Amino acid sequence: MFMKTTLVAAALTLGATSAFAAEKYTFDPSHSQIVFTYDHLGFSTTTSMFSGFEGEIMMDEEEPANSSVSVSFPVMDMITGWQPRTDHFMSDDFFGAEEGDMVTFESTGIEVTGDDTGKITGDLTMNGVTKSVVLDAKLNQMGDHPMENKPWAGFDASTTVLRSDYNLGQFAPFVSDEVQIDISVEAMKAE
């Protein structure tokens, strides 16, 4: 039980700075997605996503508080499912996106809340603004991948942000200022 609890805590601990004992896990871009939803004028809930991104988790089994997570991806990789919406999001009404503009998340702390749950605090940067956010995280599973034959971990996390905090508040409050973010990632132990 101690080993299981230690592994769970290590897998959930995506906070502070990495230490010598930390092991590197890299995101599986084919099984990692960030989905965001918002209310559109009260008529619908609109969904868009980012997928195929890369990042890393440094997991320290001995000192879970020394673990960390970082991810970055181009804002122009947003998938809305409708090109005119994507174009509008990239326009000056929202991101005013240019090639190379990135969204980043860097963890700064962790609070373990259960055997497989935790709160990950980190700096979310987009549209030139950095704000602290808290992710409610859950370890889905950790173990050897049956096809890849190497250690693997899977996590889900969620948070809510205000578009206006990132200078993206156009049309609020008619189009919801609150955006729900749901994250599901898989990560493999690096070679």
C-alpha atoms as a PDB file:
ATOM      1  CA  MET A   1       0.000   0.000   0.000  1.00  0.00           C
ATOM      2  CA  PHE A   2       2.861   2.391   0.820  1.00  0.00           C
ATOM      3  CA  MET A   3       4.380   1.936  -2.663  1.00  0.00           C
ATOM      4  CA  LYS A   4       1.005   2.507  -4.328  1.00  0.00           C
ATOM      5  CA  THR A   5       0.397   5.638  -2.256  1.00  0.00           C
ATOM      6  CA  THR A   6       3.908   6.901  -3.036  1.00  0.00           C
ATOM      7  CA  LEU A   7       3.435   6.342  -6.769  1.00  0.00           C
ATOM      8  CA  VAL A   8       0.044   8.023  -6.727  1.00  0.00           C
ATOM      9  CA  ALA A   9       1.399  11.009  -4.819  1.00  0.00           C
ATOM     10  CA  ALA A  10       4.381  11.204  -7.172  1.00  0.00           C
ATOM     11  CA  ALA A  11       2.161  11.053 -10.216  1.00  0.00           C
ATOM     12  CA  LEU A  12      -0.121  13.782  -8.883  1.00  0.00           C
ATOM     13  CA  THR A  13       2.593  16.037  -7.657  1.00  0.00           C
ATOM     14  CA  LEU A  14       3.093  18.411 -10.511  1.00  0.00           C
ATOM     15  CA  GLY A  15       4.288  21.379  -8.488  1.00  0.00           C
ATOM     16  CA  ALA A  16       7.464  23.212  -7.408  1.00  0.00           C
ATOM     17  CA  THR A  17      10.881  22.647  -9.004  1.00  0.00           C
ATOM     18  CA  SER A  18      12.415  19.417 -10.228  1.00  0.00           C
ATOM     19  CA  ALA A  19      15.075  17.662  -8.161  1.00  0.00           C
ATOM     20  CA  PHE A  20      17.819  15.144  -8.933  1.00  0.00           C
ATOM     21  CA  ALA A  21      15.540  12.207  -8.053  1.00  0.00           C
ATOM     22  CA  ALA A  22      12.828  13.274 -10.502  1.00  0.00           C
ATOM     23  CA  GLU A  23      12.158  11.146 -13.553  1.00  0.00           C
ATOM     24  CA  LYS A  24      11.106  12.741 -16.810  1.00  0.00           C
ATOM     25  CA  TYR A  25       7.820  11.819 -18.487  1.00  0.00           C
ATOM     26  CA  THR A  26       6.857  13.358 -21.829  1.00  0.00           C
ATOM     27  CA  PHE A  27       3.311  13.858 -23.078  1.00  0.00           C
ATOM     28  CA  ASP A  28       1.955  11.459 -25.678  1.00  0.00           C
ATOM     29  CA  PRO A  29       0.708  14.045 -28.212  1.00  0.00           C
ATOM     30  CA  SER A  30      -1.673  11.525 -29.817  1.00  0.00           C
ATOM     31  CA  HIS A  31      -3.543  11.046 -26.523  1.00  0.00           C
ATOM     32  CA  SER A  32      -3.394  14.491 -24.913  1.00  0.00           C
ATOM     33  CA  GLN A  33      -6.145  17.066 -25.372  1.00  0.00           C
ATOM     34  CA  ILE A  34      -7.273  20.347 -23.861  1.00  0.00           C
ATOM     35  CA  VAL A  35     -10.979  20.960 -24.451  1.00  0.00           C
ATOM     36  CA  PHE A  36     -12.604  24.272 -23.590  1.00  0.00           C
ATOM     37  CA  THR A  37     -16.281  25.182 -23.497  1.00  0.00           C
ATOM     38  CA  TYR A  38     -18.265  28.372 -23.024  1.00  0.00           C
ATOM     39  CA  ASP A  39     -21.869  29.533 -23.124  1.00  0.00           C
ATOM     40  CA  HIS A  40     -22.827  31.208 -26.414  1.00  0.00           C
ATOM     41  CA  LEU A  41     -25.595  33.750 -25.816  1.00  0.00           C
ATOM     42  CA  GLY A  42     -27.505  31.211 -23.712  1.00  0.00           C
ATOM     43  CA  PHE A  43     -28.349  29.235 -26.854  1.00  0.00           C
ATOM     44  CA  SER A  44     -25.561  26.667 -26.841  1.00  0.00           C
ATOM     45  CA  THR A  45     -22.385  25.444 -25.239  1.00  0.00           C
ATOM     46  CA  THR A  46     -19.578  25.835 -27.752  1.00  0.00           C
ATOM     47  CA  THR A  47     -16.554  23.531 -27.657  1.00  0.00           C
ATOM     48  CA  SER A  48     -13.046  23.889 -29.074  1.00  0.00           C
ATOM     49  CA  MET A  49      -9.742  22.191 -28.325  1.00  0.00           C
ATOM     50  CA  PHE A  50      -5.992  21.918 -28.562  1.00  0.00           C
ATOM     51  CA  SER A  51      -4.502  18.519 -29.363  1.00  0.00           C
ATOM     52  CA  GLY A  52      -1.153  17.100 -30.408  1.00  0.00           C
ATOM     53  CA  PHE A  53       0.836  19.298 -28.033  1.00  0.00           C
ATOM     54  CA  GLU A  54       3.999  18.375 -26.171  1.00  0.00           C
ATOM     55  CA  GLY A  55       5.281  18.945 -22.672  1.00  0.00           C
ATOM     56  CA  GLU A  56       6.882  17.179 -19.742  1.00  0.00           C
ATOM     57  CA  ILE A  57       6.281  16.034 -16.208  1.00  0.00           C
ATOM     58  CA  MET A  58       9.184  15.615 -13.817  1.00  0.00           C
ATOM     59  CA  MET A  59       8.027  13.069 -11.194  1.00  0.00           C
ATOM     60  CA  ASP A  60       9.929  12.664  -7.944  1.00  0.00           C
ATOM     61  CA  GLU A  61       8.714   9.587  -6.042  1.00  0.00           C
ATOM     62  CA  GLU A  62      10.785  10.345  -2.911  1.00  0.00           C
ATOM     63  CA  GLU A  63       9.839  14.016  -2.608  1.00  0.00           C
ATOM     64  CA  PRO A  64       6.587  14.534  -4.531  1.00  0.00           C
ATOM     65  CA  ALA A  65       6.642  18.282  -3.831  1.00  0.00           C
ATOM     66  CA  ASN A  66       9.747  18.476  -6.039  1.00  0.00           C
ATOM     67  CA  SER A  67       7.837  17.379  -9.138  1.00  0.00           C
ATOM     68  CA  SER A  68       6.762  19.730 -11.942  1.00  0.00           C
ATOM     69  CA  VAL A  69       4.847  19.982 -15.200  1.00  0.00           C
ATOM     70  CA  SER A  70       5.277  22.261 -18.182  1.00  0.00           C
ATOM     71  CA  VAL A  71       3.494  22.483 -21.506  1.00  0.00           C
ATOM     72  CA  SER A  72       3.408  24.909 -24.405  1.00  0.00           C
ATOM     73  CA  PHE A  73       1.637  24.962 -27.744  1.00  0.00           C
ATOM     74  CA  PRO A  74       0.955  27.438 -30.557  1.00  0.00           C
ATOM     75  CA  VAL A  75      -2.290  29.387 -30.155  1.00  0.00           C
ATOM     76  CA  MET A  76      -2.816  28.945 -33.902  1.00  0.00           C
ATOM     77  CA  ASP A  77      -3.170  25.164 -33.350  1.00  0.00           C
ATOM     78  CA  MET A  78      -6.648  25.760 -31.880  1.00  0.00           C
ATOM     79  CA  ILE A  79      -9.311  23.458 -33.335  1.00  0.00           C
ATOM     80  CA  THR A  80     -12.829  24.914 -33.326  1.00  0.00           C
ATOM     81  CA  GLY A  81     -14.473  22.654 -35.908  1.00  0.00           C
ATOM     82  CA  TRP A  82     -15.504  25.631 -38.047  1.00  0.00           C
ATOM     83  CA  GLN A  83     -12.865  27.633 -39.915  1.00  0.00           C
ATOM     84  CA  PRO A  84     -14.663  31.016 -39.741  1.00  0.00           C
ATOM     85  CA  ARG A  85     -14.756  30.683 -35.904  1.00  0.00           C
ATOM     86  CA  THR A  86     -11.074  29.776 -35.831  1.00  0.00           C
ATOM     87  CA  ASP A  87     -10.292  32.784 -38.038  1.00  0.00           C
ATOM     88  CA  HIS A  88     -12.336  35.035 -35.729  1.00  0.00           C
ATOM     89  CA  PHE A  89     -10.483  33.763 -32.634  1.00  0.00           C
ATOM     90  CA  MET A  90      -7.163  34.508 -34.348  1.00  0.00           C
ATOM     91  CA  SER A  91      -8.314  38.032 -35.309  1.00  0.00           C
ATOM     92  CA  ASP A  92      -7.763  41.238 -33.333  1.00  0.00           C
ATOM     93  CA  ASP A  93     -11.165  40.701 -31.628  1.00  0.00           C
ATOM     94  CA  PHE A  94      -9.454  37.983 -29.596  1.00  0.00           C
ATOM     95  CA  PHE A  95      -5.839  36.778 -29.914  1.00  0.00           C
ATOM     96  CA  GLY A  96      -4.562  38.897 -32.792  1.00  0.00           C
ATOM     97  CA  ALA A  97      -2.490  35.763 -33.314  1.00  0.00           C
ATOM     98  CA  GLU A  98       0.740  35.681 -35.219  1.00  0.00           C
ATOM     99  CA  GLU A  99       2.862  32.675 -36.106  1.00  0.00           C
ATOM    100  CA  GLY A 100       4.843  31.652 -33.023  1.00  0.00           C
ATOM    101  CA  ASP A 101       2.394  32.963 -30.389  1.00  0.00           C
ATOM    102  CA  MET A 102       2.259  30.353 -27.627  1.00  0.00           C
ATOM    103  CA  VAL A 103       0.044  29.252 -24.745  1.00  0.00           C
ATOM    104  CA  THR A 104       2.115  27.955 -21.804  1.00  0.00           C
ATOM    105  CA  PHE A 105       1.536  26.415 -18.385  1.00  0.00           C
ATOM    106  CA  GLU A 106       4.279  26.065 -15.749  1.00  0.00           C
ATOM    107  CA  SER A 107       3.419  24.479 -12.417  1.00  0.00           C
ATOM    108  CA  THR A 108       4.329  26.301  -9.204  1.00  0.00           C
ATOM    109  CA  GLY A 109       2.848  24.073  -6.472  1.00  0.00           C
ATOM    110  CA  ILE A 110       0.709  21.091  -5.541  1.00  0.00           C
ATOM    111  CA  GLU A 111      -1.718  20.106  -2.830  1.00  0.00           C
ATOM    112  CA  VAL A 112      -2.426  16.368  -2.618  1.00  0.00           C
ATOM    113  CA  THR A 113      -6.116  15.996  -1.730  1.00  0.00           C
ATOM    114  CA  GLY A 114      -6.542  12.200  -1.886  1.00  0.00           C
ATOM    115  CA  ASP A 115      -4.987   8.931  -3.013  1.00  0.00           C
ATOM    116  CA  ASP A 116      -5.378   9.890  -6.667  1.00  0.00           C
ATOM    117  CA  THR A 117      -6.397  13.573  -6.608  1.00  0.00           C
ATOM    118  CA  GLY A 118      -4.669  16.895  -6.175  1.00  0.00           C
ATOM    119  CA  LYS A 119      -4.736  20.621  -6.865  1.00  0.00           C
ATOM    120  CA  ILE A 120      -2.010  21.821  -9.209  1.00  0.00           C
ATOM    121  CA  THR A 121      -1.223  25.532  -9.102  1.00  0.00           C
ATOM    122  CA  GLY A 122       0.623  27.062 -12.015  1.00  0.00           C
ATOM    123  CA  ASP A 123       1.139  30.050 -14.272  1.00  0.00           C
ATOM    124  CA  LEU A 124      -1.018  30.060 -17.406  1.00  0.00           C
ATOM    125  CA  THR A 125       0.254  32.460 -20.055  1.00  0.00           C
ATOM    126  CA  MET A 126      -1.729  33.366 -23.152  1.00  0.00           C
ATOM    127  CA  ASN A 127      -2.272  36.479 -25.188  1.00  0.00           C
ATOM    128  CA  GLY A 128       0.698  38.082 -23.425  1.00  0.00           C
ATOM    129  CA  VAL A 129      -0.873  37.752 -19.936  1.00  0.00           C
ATOM    130  CA  THR A 130       0.225  35.420 -17.117  1.00  0.00           C
ATOM    131  CA  LYS A 131      -2.200  34.471 -14.338  1.00  0.00           C
ATOM    132  CA  SER A 132      -2.106  31.812 -11.640  1.00  0.00           C
ATOM    133  CA  VAL A 133      -4.661  29.020 -12.094  1.00  0.00           C
ATOM    134  CA  VAL A 134      -5.510  25.931 -10.052  1.00  0.00           C
ATOM    135  CA  LEU A 135      -6.190  22.618 -11.796  1.00  0.00           C
ATOM    136  CA  ASP A 136      -8.275  19.955 -10.072  1.00  0.00           C
ATOM    137  CA  ALA A 137      -6.316  16.854 -11.109  1.00  0.00           C
ATOM    138  CA  LYS A 138      -6.873  13.126 -10.987  1.00  0.00           C
ATOM    139  CA  LEU A 139      -4.458  10.296 -11.698  1.00  0.00           C
ATOM    140  CA  ASN A 140      -6.330   7.890 -13.978  1.00  0.00           C
ATOM    141  CA  GLN A 141      -3.682   5.190 -14.074  1.00  0.00           C
ATOM    142  CA  MET A 142       0.048   4.644 -13.783  1.00  0.00           C
ATOM    143  CA  GLY A 143       1.895   1.511 -14.907  1.00  0.00           C
ATOM    144  CA  ASP A 144       3.507  -0.191 -17.869  1.00  0.00           C
ATOM    145  CA  HIS A 145       1.874   0.548 -21.220  1.00  0.00           C
ATOM    146  CA  PRO A 146       0.789  -2.809 -22.706  1.00  0.00           C
ATOM    147  CA  MET A 147       1.947  -1.951 -26.249  1.00  0.00           C
ATOM    148  CA  GLU A 148       4.874   0.376 -25.617  1.00  0.00           C
ATOM    149  CA  ASN A 149       6.340  -1.732 -22.768  1.00  0.00           C
ATOM    150  CA  LYS A 150       7.445   1.258 -20.725  1.00  0.00           C
ATOM    151  CA  PRO A 151       6.112   3.226 -17.732  1.00  0.00           C
ATOM    152  CA  TRP A 152       3.080   5.355 -18.588  1.00  0.00           C
ATOM    153  CA  ALA A 153       0.765   7.713 -16.684  1.00  0.00           C
ATOM    154  CA  GLY A 154      -2.620   9.237 -17.451  1.00  0.00           C
ATOM    155  CA  PHE A 155      -4.228  12.284 -15.841  1.00  0.00           C
ATOM    156  CA  ASP A 156      -7.412  14.320 -16.117  1.00  0.00           C
ATOM    157  CA  ALA A 157      -7.633  17.904 -14.850  1.00  0.00           C
ATOM    158  CA  SER A 158     -10.046  20.819 -15.021  1.00  0.00           C
ATOM    159  CA  THR A 159     -10.280  24.503 -14.217  1.00  0.00           C
ATOM    160  CA  THR A 160     -12.305  27.585 -15.090  1.00  0.00           C
ATOM    161  CA  VAL A 161     -10.762  30.847 -16.297  1.00  0.00           C
ATOM    162  CA  LEU A 162     -12.139  34.243 -17.219  1.00  0.00           C
ATOM    163  CA  ARG A 163     -11.462  35.288 -20.810  1.00  0.00           C
ATOM    164  CA  SER A 164     -11.293  38.910 -19.737  1.00  0.00           C
ATOM    165  CA  ASP A 165      -8.316  38.130 -17.471  1.00  0.00           C
ATOM    166  CA  TYR A 166      -6.346  37.426 -20.669  1.00  0.00           C
ATOM    167  CA  ASN A 167      -7.647  40.401 -22.696  1.00  0.00           C
ATOM    168  CA  LEU A 168      -9.977  38.038 -24.590  1.00  0.00           C
ATOM    169  CA  GLY A 169     -13.282  39.326 -23.184  1.00  0.00           C
ATOM    170  CA  GLN A 170     -14.891  40.481 -26.432  1.00  0.00           C
ATOM    171  CA  PHE A 171     -18.723  40.141 -26.353  1.00  0.00           C
ATOM    172  CA  ALA A 172     -18.843  39.317 -22.603  1.00  0.00           C
ATOM    173  CA  PRO A 173     -21.138  38.885 -20.782  1.00  0.00           C
ATOM    174  CA  PHE A 174     -23.378  37.841 -23.700  1.00  0.00           C
ATOM    175  CA  VAL A 175     -20.820  35.227 -24.663  1.00  0.00           C
ATOM    176  CA  SER A 176     -19.726  33.798 -21.328  1.00  0.00           C
ATOM    177  CA  ASP A 177     -16.621  35.293 -19.770  1.00  0.00           C
ATOM    178  CA  GLU A 178     -16.125  31.976 -17.929  1.00  0.00           C
ATOM    179  CA  VAL A 179     -14.434  29.238 -19.916  1.00  0.00           C
ATOM    180  CA  GLN A 180     -14.404  25.662 -18.636  1.00  0.00           C
ATOM    181  CA  ILE A 181     -11.140  23.854 -19.430  1.00  0.00           C
ATOM    182  CA  ASP A 182     -10.933  20.040 -19.335  1.00  0.00           C
ATOM    183  CA  ILE A 183      -7.581  18.338 -19.833  1.00  0.00           C
ATOM    184  CA  SER A 184      -6.777  14.691 -20.444  1.00  0.00           C
ATOM    185  CA  VAL A 185      -3.158  13.656 -20.980  1.00  0.00           C
ATOM    186  CA  GLU A 186      -1.005  10.569 -21.213  1.00  0.00           C
ATOM    187  CA  ALA A 187       2.716  10.721 -20.509  1.00  0.00           C
ATOM    188  CA  MET A 188       5.499   8.198 -21.115  1.00  0.00           C
ATOM    189  CA  LYS A 189       8.752   7.789 -19.243  1.00  0.00           C
ATOM    190  CA  ALA A 190      11.488   9.428 -21.293  1.00  0.00           C
ATOM    191  CA  GLU A 191      14.376   7.332 -22.586  1.00  0.00           C
END
